[in-house]
Amino acid sequence: MISKEIATRVLEKCLITGGDFAEIFEEDTITNSIGLIDEKIENALGGRSYGVGIRIFKGFKSVYAYTNDNSLNSLLDTAHKAALALGSLKEDISITLHDTKIITDINPIQLYPNDIGYDKKIGVMKTAYKSAKSYSTDISQVSVTYIDKDQKVLIANTEGLYTEDRRVRTRLAISSVASKGNENQTGFEAPGGCKGFEIFEDIDPEYHAKEASRVATTMLNAKNCPAGKMMVAIDNGFGGVIFHEACGHSLEATAVAKGNSVFANKLGEQIASTKVTAIDDGTLQNHWGSSNIDDEGNKTQRNVLIEDGILKSYMIDKLNGRRMNMNPTGSSRRQNYKYAPTSRMTNTYIAAGDDRPEDIIKSIDNGLYAKKMGGGSVNPVTGEFNFAVSEGYLVKNGEIVEPVRGASLIGKGSEVLMNIDMVGNNLKQAQGMCGSSSGSIPTNVGQPMVRVKEITVGGRSEE
């Protein structure tokens, strides 16, 4: 990685036009991906990505440039061109980088993926495939994807920071398709973590494969969901995707600093039911969205966003922190060196409450139990959303009576937060990828089972 001496010269070059802050982000990443469809390996790809990003601030102005040539001349030239975008030449400035910042590793790795042979990785995939395919004769196709990533980063800036980090992540994704005539339904499971190959000591490929096939076959034999306003129980784990999309993004400084959030200027105000406490925590050991430091070199931290319904904090990066006159919260992230960082979520979840999941179901006279959530769309400015329910059930007189398909949840994030009136004690998190202005990054979503007293449910009429 770049030496302290070279980093110093490059950062000094960044400030030749009056910039007041500059930063270097160097990345060296090895990625492996294997795809299996119907017991055959379709692809096995390995790649290495290397590059250096240079960012300069001048007040609220920012410029970002990058190169994959780490020679001194190339780095100085990139810094010089970036600096010129912010003004005319001024006097030279001298900076001093501190000793390498020692960070505590919250994500210990036992088996680095690059030390594991493809035969073992494929063995895990085939185990998952057999489990998914044998679940039911209705399963017509199974695809399995294995991914691992080993990212090394170095971050240095004109405040004297010079630090390194290593992030290792491993994930297995299983997609099962159940078919009957012209009808197809899909189930999907994708467990992962900030771990090496030892993750499969905790993650059972057979269990997740059966889950994917169970959802597919259950929904294949389900009737269409009725539409209308109703009480809904949203289960734990990936149910947290609604909070992530419809509320979490609106609590990122990326939106708040520009006034593009319904929660801007509402610190200290009640924005949710008193039952709701929401947290973003990048320090959870070996979790999918965790890291030792963020992509600006700040330690990740536990940020209580909402406490008993009261808005307590936002997720803040350095540039937007300037605009808001607030300190960064260890929330700055980016996909890779080609992206300037900004405030993003890590592991974001609604905290566990005191209600028992069985009591939540019993409390519903006529409503929907959304056991698993799928994808959806959100307007980040208004918080209006539309999410598919990948596995749902009608609830009558406190009993789960039958599976239904084609359901969707339609609403507004701020309204849903106020309408949560029961929160379960069964907190669980699930893994996903989140796309925004700084690229696609790994994030956890999570919650216990919650009850929303009223929400619009979209459905499909029976043919």
Protein backbone atom coordinates (compact mmCIF):
# COMPACT_ATOMS: atom_id res chain seq x y z
CA MET A 1 0.00 0.00 0.00
CA ILE A 2 1.05 3.65 -0.37
CA SER A 3 3.83 4.70 2.01
CA LYS A 4 3.40 7.54 4.47
CA GLU A 5 5.95 9.61 2.55
CA ILE A 6 4.11 9.28 -0.77
CA ALA A 7 0.74 9.92 0.88
CA THR A 8 2.12 13.10 2.43
CA ARG A 9 3.36 14.46 -0.92
CA VAL A 10 0.07 13.65 -2.65
CA LEU A 11 -2.04 15.26 0.08
CA GLU A 12 0.11 18.39 0.02
CA LYS A 13 -0.44 18.61 -3.75
CA CYS A 14 -4.20 18.41 -3.15
CA LEU A 15 -4.19 21.72 -1.24
CA ILE A 16 -2.34 23.89 -3.78
CA THR A 17 -5.52 25.77 -4.76
CA GLY A 18 -6.74 26.55 -1.27
CA GLY A 19 -8.54 23.36 -0.40
CA ASP A 20 -9.00 22.89 3.35
CA PHE A 21 -9.17 19.08 3.48
CA ALA A 22 -7.94 16.20 1.34
CA GLU A 23 -8.17 12.45 1.59
CA ILE A 24 -6.64 9.38 -0.05
CA PHE A 25 -8.53 6.09 -0.28
CA GLU A 26 -6.48 3.16 -1.59
CA GLU A 27 -8.12 -0.19 -2.24
CA ASP A 28 -6.87 -3.65 -3.20
CA THR A 29 -9.71 -6.17 -3.47
CA ILE A 30 -9.87 -9.83 -4.52
CA THR A 31 -13.34 -11.18 -5.37
CA ASN A 32 -14.46 -14.72 -6.19
CA SER A 33 -17.86 -15.72 -7.54
CA ILE A 34 -19.18 -19.17 -8.50
CA GLY A 35 -22.57 -19.84 -10.07
CA LEU A 36 -24.38 -23.19 -10.17
CA ILE A 37 -27.63 -23.91 -12.00
CA ASP A 38 -29.27 -27.34 -11.93
CA GLU A 39 -26.17 -29.03 -10.46
CA LYS A 40 -23.85 -27.64 -13.14
CA ILE A 41 -21.21 -24.98 -12.56
CA GLU A 42 -22.12 -22.18 -14.97
CA ASN A 43 -19.30 -19.81 -14.10
CA ALA A 44 -16.34 -19.41 -11.77
CA LEU A 45 -14.95 -15.90 -11.80
CA GLY A 46 -12.07 -14.41 -9.89
CA GLY A 47 -10.93 -10.83 -10.09
CA ARG A 48 -8.73 -8.22 -8.52
CA SER A 49 -9.56 -4.53 -8.31
CA TYR A 50 -7.00 -1.91 -7.40
CA GLY A 51 -7.17 1.86 -7.35
CA VAL A 52 -6.69 5.09 -5.47
CA GLY A 53 -9.36 7.74 -4.91
CA ILE A 54 -8.47 11.34 -4.06
CA ARG A 55 -11.00 13.75 -2.57
CA ILE A 56 -10.60 17.46 -1.79
CA PHE A 57 -12.88 19.85 0.13
CA LYS A 58 -13.00 23.61 -0.12
CA GLY A 59 -15.73 24.72 2.22
CA PHE A 60 -18.85 22.91 1.06
CA LYS A 61 -17.38 22.20 -2.36
CA SER A 62 -15.94 18.78 -3.09
CA VAL A 63 -14.08 17.19 -5.99
CA TYR A 64 -13.26 13.52 -6.45
CA ALA A 65 -10.81 11.80 -8.80
CA TYR A 66 -9.33 8.33 -9.02
CA THR A 67 -6.64 6.32 -10.78
CA ASN A 68 -5.44 2.73 -10.83
CA ASP A 69 -1.84 3.80 -11.39
CA ASN A 70 -0.13 4.18 -8.02
CA SER A 71 3.15 5.59 -9.31
CA LEU A 72 4.13 8.84 -7.62
CA ASN A 73 3.86 10.81 -10.88
CA SER A 74 0.35 9.49 -11.56
CA LEU A 75 -0.85 10.22 -8.03
CA LEU A 76 0.60 13.73 -8.05
CA ASP A 77 -0.92 14.41 -11.47
CA THR A 78 -4.35 13.18 -10.34
CA ALA A 79 -4.14 15.32 -7.19
CA HIS A 80 -3.03 18.36 -9.22
CA LYS A 81 -5.92 18.07 -11.69
CA ALA A 82 -8.44 17.59 -8.90
CA ALA A 83 -7.09 20.63 -7.03
CA LEU A 84 -7.34 22.84 -10.14
CA ALA A 85 -11.06 22.09 -10.28
CA LEU A 86 -11.43 24.05 -7.04
CA GLY A 87 -9.53 27.23 -7.94
CA SER A 88 -6.23 28.84 -8.96
CA LEU A 89 -2.78 28.02 -7.59
CA LYS A 90 -1.83 29.34 -4.17
CA GLU A 91 1.12 28.80 -1.85
CA ASP A 92 2.39 25.32 -1.02
CA ILE A 93 1.17 23.76 2.24
CA SER A 94 2.99 21.29 4.47
CA ILE A 95 1.20 18.53 6.37
CA THR A 96 2.25 15.81 8.81
CA LEU A 97 0.79 12.30 8.95
CA HIS A 98 0.63 10.62 12.35
CA ASP A 99 1.84 7.11 13.06
CA THR A 100 -0.35 4.34 11.67
CA LYS A 101 -3.61 4.31 13.58
CA ILE A 102 -4.01 0.95 15.32
CA ILE A 103 -7.60 -0.23 15.22
CA THR A 104 -9.33 -3.00 17.12
CA ASP A 105 -10.45 -5.80 14.83
CA ILE A 106 -14.11 -6.50 15.53
CA ASN A 107 -14.36 -9.01 12.67
CA PRO A 108 -11.80 -11.77 13.34
CA ILE A 109 -11.28 -14.13 10.39
CA GLN A 110 -10.32 -17.79 10.83
CA LEU A 111 -10.31 -19.12 7.26
CA TYR A 112 -9.44 -16.56 4.60
CA PRO A 113 -11.40 -17.42 1.43
CA ASN A 114 -8.35 -17.19 -0.84
CA ASP A 115 -6.79 -20.03 1.16
CA ILE A 116 -9.78 -22.31 0.45
CA GLY A 117 -9.86 -24.44 -2.69
CA TYR A 118 -12.67 -24.20 -5.22
CA ASP A 119 -13.57 -27.82 -4.50
CA LYS A 120 -14.64 -26.97 -0.95
CA LYS A 121 -16.62 -23.94 -2.05
CA ILE A 122 -18.37 -25.96 -4.76
CA GLY A 123 -19.01 -28.70 -2.19
CA VAL A 124 -21.04 -26.26 -0.08
CA MET A 125 -22.97 -25.18 -3.17
CA LYS A 126 -23.82 -28.73 -4.19
CA THR A 127 -25.01 -29.52 -0.67
CA ALA A 128 -27.37 -26.55 -0.89
CA TYR A 129 -28.53 -27.55 -4.36
CA LYS A 130 -29.41 -31.12 -3.36
CA SER A 131 -31.30 -29.94 -0.30
CA ALA A 132 -33.33 -27.41 -2.28
CA LYS A 133 -34.04 -29.71 -5.24
CA SER A 134 -35.14 -32.67 -3.13
CA TYR A 135 -37.60 -30.62 -1.08
CA SER A 136 -40.49 -31.18 -3.49
CA THR A 137 -41.20 -32.55 -6.94
CA ASP A 138 -42.62 -29.09 -7.73
CA ILE A 139 -39.10 -27.58 -7.62
CA SER A 140 -38.20 -27.13 -11.27
CA GLN A 141 -34.95 -25.20 -10.97
CA VAL A 142 -32.38 -24.31 -8.34
CA SER A 143 -29.55 -21.83 -8.68
CA VAL A 144 -26.81 -21.32 -6.11
CA THR A 145 -24.26 -18.53 -6.00
CA TYR A 146 -21.18 -18.36 -3.79
CA ILE A 147 -19.34 -15.05 -3.33
CA ASP A 148 -16.36 -14.02 -1.25
CA LYS A 149 -14.51 -10.72 -1.09
CA ASP A 150 -11.24 -9.71 0.56
CA GLN A 151 -10.78 -5.94 0.58
CA LYS A 152 -7.71 -4.12 1.89
CA VAL A 153 -7.93 -0.35 2.27
CA LEU A 154 -5.63 2.48 3.29
CA ILE A 155 -7.01 5.88 4.25
CA ALA A 156 -4.93 9.01 4.81
CA ASN A 157 -6.00 12.62 5.12
CA THR A 158 -4.71 16.12 5.81
CA GLU A 159 -5.85 15.93 9.42
CA GLY A 160 -2.94 13.54 9.94
CA LEU A 161 -4.84 10.27 9.65
CA TYR A 162 -2.98 7.29 8.19
CA THR A 163 -4.68 3.94 8.78
CA GLU A 164 -5.42 0.57 7.17
CA ASP A 165 -8.21 -1.99 7.36
CA ARG A 166 -9.08 -5.37 5.91
CA ARG A 167 -12.66 -6.48 5.24
CA VAL A 168 -13.53 -10.09 4.39
CA ARG A 169 -17.08 -11.10 3.48
CA THR A 170 -18.63 -14.42 2.39
CA ARG A 171 -22.16 -15.10 1.16
CA LEU A 172 -24.25 -17.96 -0.24
CA ALA A 173 -27.42 -17.29 -2.24
CA ILE A 174 -30.03 -19.93 -3.13
CA SER A 175 -32.95 -19.38 -5.49
CA SER A 176 -35.60 -22.08 -5.91
CA VAL A 177 -38.32 -22.07 -8.55
CA ALA A 178 -41.49 -24.10 -8.06
CA SER A 179 -43.62 -24.74 -11.14
CA LYS A 180 -47.07 -26.09 -11.92
CA GLY A 181 -48.33 -25.71 -15.46
CA ASN A 182 -47.61 -22.13 -16.54
CA GLU A 183 -47.32 -20.91 -12.94
CA ASN A 184 -43.93 -20.26 -11.34
CA GLN A 185 -43.09 -19.05 -7.83
CA THR A 186 -39.65 -18.29 -6.40
CA GLY A 187 -38.08 -18.58 -2.97
CA PHE A 188 -34.78 -16.90 -2.11
CA GLU A 189 -32.31 -17.14 0.77
CA ALA A 190 -28.94 -15.37 0.92
CA PRO A 191 -27.13 -15.65 4.27
CA GLY A 192 -23.75 -13.98 4.64
CA GLY A 193 -21.41 -12.27 7.05
CA CYS A 194 -18.19 -10.38 7.56
CA LYS A 195 -16.43 -13.74 7.90
CA GLY A 196 -14.23 -16.14 6.01
CA PHE A 197 -15.07 -19.71 5.02
CA GLU A 198 -15.69 -20.53 8.69
CA ILE A 199 -19.09 -18.89 8.17
CA PHE A 200 -20.41 -22.32 7.20
CA GLU A 201 -19.86 -23.49 10.76
CA ASP A 202 -22.71 -21.13 11.68
CA ILE A 203 -24.71 -21.06 8.44
CA ASP A 204 -26.33 -24.36 7.46
CA PRO A 205 -26.58 -24.48 3.63
CA GLU A 206 -29.17 -27.28 3.82
CA TYR A 207 -31.50 -25.28 6.06
CA HIS A 208 -31.43 -22.15 3.91
CA ALA A 209 -31.85 -24.21 0.74
CA LYS A 210 -34.95 -25.91 2.17
CA GLU A 211 -36.29 -22.51 3.22
CA ALA A 212 -35.98 -21.22 -0.35
CA SER A 213 -37.83 -24.26 -1.69
CA ARG A 214 -40.43 -24.14 1.10
CA VAL A 215 -41.39 -20.56 0.22
CA ALA A 216 -41.53 -21.35 -3.50
CA THR A 217 -43.80 -24.39 -3.07
CA THR A 218 -45.99 -22.70 -0.45
CA MET A 219 -46.63 -19.71 -2.68
CA LEU A 220 -47.20 -21.95 -5.71
CA ASN A 221 -50.23 -23.42 -3.96
CA ALA A 222 -51.48 -20.14 -2.45
CA LYS A 223 -54.47 -18.14 -3.58
CA ASN A 224 -54.25 -14.46 -4.50
CA CYS A 225 -54.20 -11.94 -1.67
CA PRO A 226 -57.21 -9.64 -1.21
CA ALA A 227 -56.57 -5.89 -1.27
CA GLY A 228 -57.52 -3.13 1.14
CA LYS A 229 -56.50 -1.44 4.38
CA MET A 230 -55.82 -3.95 7.11
CA MET A 231 -53.77 -4.78 10.19
CA VAL A 232 -50.47 -6.44 9.29
CA ALA A 233 -47.86 -8.39 11.23
CA ILE A 234 -44.44 -8.10 9.56
CA ASP A 235 -42.06 -10.83 10.66
CA ASN A 236 -38.48 -10.46 11.80
CA GLY A 237 -35.31 -10.54 9.70
CA PHE A 238 -35.77 -9.21 6.18
CA GLY A 239 -39.00 -7.57 7.27
CA GLY A 240 -36.65 -4.76 8.33
CA VAL A 241 -36.18 -3.85 4.67
CA ILE A 242 -39.18 -1.53 4.94
CA PHE A 243 -37.54 0.50 7.71
CA HIS A 244 -34.24 0.44 5.81
CA GLU A 245 -35.69 1.78 2.58
CA ALA A 246 -38.60 3.95 3.64
CA CYS A 247 -37.05 5.42 6.80
CA GLY A 248 -33.35 4.59 7.02
CA HIS A 249 -32.36 6.40 3.83
CA SER A 250 -34.25 9.45 5.05
CA LEU A 251 -32.04 9.48 8.17
CA GLU A 252 -28.80 9.59 6.15
CA ALA A 253 -27.11 12.99 6.04
CA THR A 254 -26.94 12.59 2.26
CA ALA A 255 -30.65 13.41 2.23
CA VAL A 256 -30.99 15.38 5.47
CA ALA A 257 -28.27 17.97 4.74
CA LYS A 258 -29.99 19.01 1.51
CA GLY A 259 -33.47 19.06 3.02
CA ASN A 260 -34.50 16.07 0.91
CA SER A 261 -35.87 14.15 3.88
CA VAL A 262 -39.16 14.18 5.76
CA PHE A 263 -37.07 13.95 8.95
CA ALA A 264 -34.84 16.98 8.34
CA ASN A 265 -34.69 19.40 11.31
CA LYS A 266 -36.70 17.03 13.52
CA LEU A 267 -34.11 15.99 16.12
CA GLY A 268 -35.79 15.61 19.49
CA GLU A 269 -39.24 15.26 17.97
CA GLN A 270 -41.48 12.21 18.05
CA ILE A 271 -41.42 10.63 14.59
CA ALA A 272 -42.48 7.09 15.54
CA SER A 273 -44.61 5.17 17.99
CA THR A 274 -43.18 5.02 21.51
CA LYS A 275 -42.79 1.29 20.87
CA VAL A 276 -40.07 1.97 18.27
CA THR A 277 -36.34 2.17 18.93
CA ALA A 278 -34.17 2.00 15.81
CA ILE A 279 -30.41 1.55 15.68
CA ASP A 280 -27.63 1.54 13.09
CA ASP A 281 -24.63 -0.35 14.44
CA GLY A 282 -21.49 -0.96 12.40
CA THR A 283 -19.69 -2.55 15.37
CA LEU A 284 -21.62 -5.84 15.53
CA GLN A 285 -19.00 -8.58 15.38
CA ASN A 286 -18.79 -10.37 12.04
CA HIS A 287 -22.12 -8.99 10.81
CA TRP A 288 -22.61 -8.44 7.09
CA GLY A 289 -22.62 -4.64 7.29
CA SER A 290 -19.89 -4.24 9.90
CA SER A 291 -16.35 -2.89 9.58
CA ASN A 292 -13.66 -1.66 11.94
CA ILE A 293 -13.60 1.80 10.39
CA ASP A 294 -15.77 3.54 7.85
CA ASP A 295 -14.48 4.64 4.44
CA GLU A 296 -13.28 7.97 5.84
CA GLY A 297 -11.19 6.23 8.51
CA ASN A 298 -13.53 6.93 11.44
CA LYS A 299 -14.31 4.13 13.89
CA THR A 300 -17.71 2.63 13.27
CA GLN A 301 -20.14 3.07 16.12
CA ARG A 302 -23.57 2.25 17.50
CA ASN A 303 -25.91 5.06 16.50
CA VAL A 304 -29.31 5.17 18.18
CA LEU A 305 -31.45 6.81 15.50
CA ILE A 306 -34.84 6.64 17.20
CA GLU A 307 -35.39 6.00 20.90
CA ASP A 308 -38.92 5.32 22.18
CA GLY A 309 -40.23 7.13 19.11
CA ILE A 310 -38.00 10.22 19.51
CA LEU A 311 -35.54 11.10 16.72
CA LYS A 312 -32.10 11.08 18.37
CA SER A 313 -29.54 11.22 15.57
CA TYR A 314 -28.76 10.93 11.90
CA MET A 315 -26.08 8.94 10.05
CA ILE A 316 -23.46 11.51 9.08
CA ASP A 317 -20.40 11.64 6.81
CA LYS A 318 -17.71 14.31 6.87
CA LEU A 319 -18.88 16.55 4.01
CA ASN A 320 -22.54 16.55 4.99
CA GLY A 321 -21.50 16.95 8.61
CA ARG A 322 -19.94 20.25 7.57
CA ARG A 323 -23.22 21.33 6.00
CA MET A 324 -25.16 20.33 9.12
CA ASN A 325 -22.52 21.53 11.61
CA MET A 326 -22.48 18.04 13.13
CA ASN A 327 -19.75 15.45 13.69
CA PRO A 328 -19.41 12.30 11.55
CA THR A 329 -20.92 9.13 13.04
CA GLY A 330 -18.72 6.46 11.43
CA SER A 331 -21.32 6.07 8.68
CA SER A 332 -19.35 6.97 5.54
CA ARG A 333 -19.25 4.16 2.97
CA ARG A 334 -18.56 3.50 -0.71
CA GLN A 335 -18.62 0.55 -3.08
CA ASN A 336 -14.99 0.96 -4.10
CA TYR A 337 -12.30 3.51 -4.97
CA LYS A 338 -14.29 4.76 -7.97
CA TYR A 339 -16.92 6.31 -5.68
CA ALA A 340 -16.69 9.26 -3.30
CA PRO A 341 -18.05 8.18 0.10
CA THR A 342 -21.22 9.45 1.70
CA SER A 343 -23.43 8.58 4.68
CA ARG A 344 -24.84 5.06 4.43
CA MET A 345 -26.37 2.42 6.68
CA THR A 346 -24.44 -0.55 8.11
CA ASN A 347 -26.55 -2.92 10.24
CA THR A 348 -29.85 -1.11 10.68
CA TYR A 349 -32.69 -2.54 12.73
CA ILE A 350 -35.68 -1.94 14.96
CA ALA A 351 -34.74 -3.08 18.47
CA ALA A 352 -36.55 -5.91 20.23
CA GLY A 353 -39.65 -5.10 22.24
CA ASP A 354 -41.62 -6.95 24.91
CA ASP A 355 -44.42 -8.52 22.88
CA ARG A 356 -44.45 -12.22 22.07
CA PRO A 357 -44.84 -13.05 18.36
CA GLU A 358 -47.67 -15.48 19.13
CA ASP A 359 -49.54 -12.70 20.97
CA ILE A 360 -49.13 -10.39 17.98
CA ILE A 361 -50.77 -12.97 15.71
CA LYS A 362 -53.53 -13.65 18.26
CA SER A 363 -54.32 -9.92 18.41
CA ILE A 364 -55.26 -9.76 14.71
CA ASP A 365 -58.94 -10.39 13.93
CA ASN A 366 -58.69 -9.91 10.19
CA GLY A 367 -55.36 -9.09 8.58
CA LEU A 368 -52.16 -10.23 6.95
CA TYR A 369 -49.05 -11.95 8.26
CA ALA A 370 -46.10 -10.93 6.07
CA LYS A 371 -43.63 -13.66 6.91
CA LYS A 372 -41.02 -12.74 4.30
CA MET A 373 -40.55 -9.50 2.39
CA GLY A 374 -39.24 -9.08 -1.14
CA GLY A 375 -38.07 -6.10 -3.17
CA GLY A 376 -39.81 -2.80 -3.66
CA SER A 377 -39.53 0.85 -4.59
CA VAL A 378 -39.29 3.99 -2.47
CA ASN A 379 -39.46 7.73 -3.06
CA PRO A 380 -36.58 8.87 -0.80
CA VAL A 381 -37.93 12.41 -0.47
CA THR A 382 -41.44 11.50 0.69
CA GLY A 383 -40.79 8.02 2.10
CA GLU A 384 -43.64 6.56 0.05
CA PHE A 385 -43.03 2.87 -0.65
CA ASN A 386 -44.39 -0.23 -2.33
CA PHE A 387 -42.94 -3.58 -1.20
CA ALA A 388 -43.74 -7.09 -2.35
CA VAL A 389 -44.55 -9.76 0.22
CA SER A 390 -42.71 -12.88 -0.90
CA GLU A 391 -44.47 -15.08 1.68
CA GLY A 392 -47.78 -14.04 3.22
CA TYR A 393 -50.73 -15.52 5.11
CA LEU A 394 -54.23 -14.38 5.94
CA VAL A 395 -54.98 -14.12 9.66
CA LYS A 396 -58.56 -14.62 10.92
CA ASN A 397 -59.62 -14.41 14.58
CA GLY A 398 -56.04 -14.64 15.79
CA GLU A 399 -55.17 -17.69 13.69
CA ILE A 400 -53.00 -18.07 10.57
CA VAL A 401 -55.46 -19.64 8.15
CA GLU A 402 -54.01 -19.84 4.64
CA PRO A 403 -51.12 -18.68 2.44
CA VAL A 404 -51.69 -15.87 -0.07
CA ARG A 405 -49.53 -14.60 -2.92
CA GLY A 406 -49.27 -11.38 -4.87
CA ALA A 407 -49.48 -9.21 -1.74
CA SER A 408 -47.73 -5.86 -1.45
CA LEU A 409 -47.47 -3.28 1.32
CA ILE A 410 -48.09 0.30 0.27
CA GLY A 411 -47.55 3.29 2.51
CA LYS A 412 -45.39 6.10 3.77
CA GLY A 413 -42.42 5.54 6.05
CA SER A 414 -43.31 8.26 8.52
CA GLU A 415 -46.87 6.95 8.84
CA VAL A 416 -45.84 3.33 9.26
CA LEU A 417 -43.47 4.29 12.09
CA MET A 418 -46.37 5.92 13.96
CA ASN A 419 -48.67 2.94 13.29
CA ILE A 420 -46.41 0.28 14.82
CA ASP A 421 -48.25 -0.59 18.03
CA MET A 422 -46.70 -3.97 18.95
CA VAL A 423 -43.02 -4.95 18.80
CA GLY A 424 -41.91 -8.54 19.33
CA ASN A 425 -39.01 -9.94 21.33
CA ASN A 426 -37.58 -12.01 18.47
CA LEU A 427 -35.04 -9.67 16.85
CA LYS A 428 -33.33 -11.14 13.78
CA GLN A 429 -31.19 -9.66 11.03
CA ALA A 430 -30.85 -10.52 7.35
CA GLN A 431 -28.38 -9.63 4.63
CA GLY A 432 -28.81 -7.44 1.58
CA MET A 433 -27.08 -5.09 -0.84
CA CYS A 434 -27.97 -1.41 -0.76
CA GLY A 435 -27.57 0.90 -3.74
CA SER A 436 -27.21 4.66 -3.47
CA SER A 437 -25.02 7.52 -4.67
CA SER A 438 -21.80 5.88 -3.45
CA GLY A 439 -22.53 2.53 -5.10
CA SER A 440 -23.71 -0.86 -3.89
CA ILE A 441 -22.65 -1.87 -0.38
CA PRO A 442 -23.42 -4.79 1.99
CA THR A 443 -25.97 -3.93 4.69
CA ASN A 444 -27.94 -5.82 7.29
CA VAL A 445 -31.62 -5.12 7.80
CA GLY A 446 -33.52 -6.38 10.80
CA GLN A 447 -36.34 -6.20 13.27
CA PRO A 448 -38.45 -8.39 15.53
CA MET A 449 -42.00 -9.12 14.45
CA VAL A 450 -43.99 -5.87 14.49
CA ARG A 451 -47.69 -5.12 14.19
CA VAL A 452 -48.81 -2.20 12.02
CA LYS A 453 -52.33 -1.31 13.08
CA GLU A 454 -53.29 -0.19 9.56
CA ILE A 455 -51.56 -0.23 6.20
CA THR A 456 -52.70 -0.54 2.59
CA VAL A 457 -52.30 -4.06 1.24
CA GLY A 458 -52.19 -4.44 -2.52
CA GLY A 459 -53.40 -7.74 -3.96
CA ARG A 460 -54.55 -9.48 -7.11
CA SER A 461 -58.03 -10.51 -8.07
CA GLU A 462 -58.68 -14.20 -8.72
CA GLU A 463 -58.76 -15.07 -12.41
